[in-house]
Protein backbone atom coordinates (compact mmCIF):
# COMPACT_ATOMS: atom_id res chain seq x y z
CA MET A 1 39.77 39.92 -84.05
CA PRO A 2 38.36 42.56 -81.68
CA ILE A 3 37.47 41.92 -78.06
CA THR A 4 34.59 43.30 -76.01
CA VAL A 5 35.23 44.53 -72.48
CA TRP A 6 32.74 45.80 -69.93
CA VAL A 7 33.62 49.11 -68.30
CA ARG A 8 32.31 50.87 -65.22
CA LEU A 9 33.42 54.44 -64.48
CA PHE A 10 33.05 55.90 -61.02
CA ALA A 11 32.65 59.44 -59.71
CA ASP A 12 34.40 62.14 -61.76
CA LEU A 13 35.44 59.68 -64.49
CA GLU A 14 31.82 59.40 -65.65
CA ARG A 15 32.50 62.57 -67.65
CA TYR A 16 34.17 60.37 -70.29
CA ARG A 17 30.79 58.79 -71.09
CA PRO A 18 28.16 61.47 -70.43
CA GLY A 19 24.67 60.10 -69.99
CA VAL A 20 25.88 56.52 -69.46
CA ARG A 21 25.20 55.08 -66.03
CA GLY A 22 26.54 51.76 -64.87
CA LYS A 23 28.37 49.23 -66.98
CA PHE A 24 28.85 49.66 -70.74
CA SER A 25 30.62 47.63 -73.41
CA LEU A 26 33.59 48.78 -75.44
CA GLU A 27 35.14 47.03 -78.42
CA LEU A 28 38.95 47.05 -78.51
CA PRO A 29 41.59 45.39 -80.68
CA GLU A 30 42.91 42.00 -79.63
CA GLY A 31 45.95 42.46 -77.38
CA ALA A 32 44.60 45.73 -75.96
CA SER A 33 45.73 46.90 -72.55
CA ILE A 34 44.23 49.23 -69.98
CA GLU A 35 46.21 52.01 -71.66
CA THR A 36 44.43 51.20 -74.95
CA LEU A 37 41.09 51.37 -73.17
CA LEU A 38 41.95 54.73 -71.58
CA ALA A 39 42.94 56.13 -74.97
CA ALA A 40 39.65 54.91 -76.48
CA LEU A 41 37.79 56.77 -73.72
CA GLY A 42 39.89 59.92 -74.19
CA ALA A 43 41.17 59.46 -70.64
CA SER A 44 44.84 58.59 -71.21
CA GLY A 45 45.85 61.81 -69.44
CA GLU A 46 44.34 60.61 -66.16
CA THR A 47 47.30 59.91 -63.90
CA ASP A 48 45.92 58.95 -60.51
CA LEU A 49 43.59 56.02 -61.10
CA VAL A 50 42.57 52.90 -59.27
CA ILE A 51 42.07 50.19 -61.89
CA GLY A 52 40.34 46.88 -61.39
CA VAL A 53 40.02 44.00 -63.84
CA GLY A 54 37.83 41.10 -62.81
CA GLY A 55 37.77 42.34 -59.21
CA ARG A 56 41.58 42.54 -58.90
CA LEU A 57 43.85 45.56 -58.93
CA ALA A 58 45.50 46.10 -62.30
CA ARG A 59 48.07 48.34 -63.97
CA ARG A 60 47.94 50.33 -67.19
CA ASP A 61 49.97 47.66 -69.00
CA THR A 62 47.55 44.86 -68.02
CA ARG A 63 46.39 43.01 -71.15
CA LEU A 64 42.66 42.66 -71.50
CA GLN A 65 40.77 39.54 -72.50
CA ASP A 66 37.40 39.25 -74.21
CA GLN A 67 34.54 39.86 -71.74
CA ASP A 68 36.81 41.30 -68.99
CA GLU A 69 35.11 43.66 -66.55
CA VAL A 70 37.10 46.83 -65.92
CA GLU A 71 36.43 49.34 -63.15
CA LEU A 72 38.06 52.75 -63.13
CA LEU A 73 37.99 55.34 -60.40
CA ALA A 74 40.01 58.41 -59.55
CA ARG A 75 41.85 58.43 -56.25
CA MET A 76 40.47 60.92 -53.79
CA ALA A 77 42.10 62.80 -50.97
CA GLY A 78 40.25 62.97 -47.72
CA GLY A 79 40.58 64.92 -44.61
């Protein structure tokens, strides 16, 4: 049975969903992880990400649950 997760992309990562602002839903297979989500977005090659699930830091192998809220942003260097 598929699950629905809510995704928010920040800054440069918005290019994976052109024209979509804010939170959007994505249907994934049961047992999906952050890595599965990244592949569905075409973003699995992104290596330097900050990932949040339900307001907590997460890793690529974090398993997702139905209705989870996922936030993805690219790390930035400052000066």
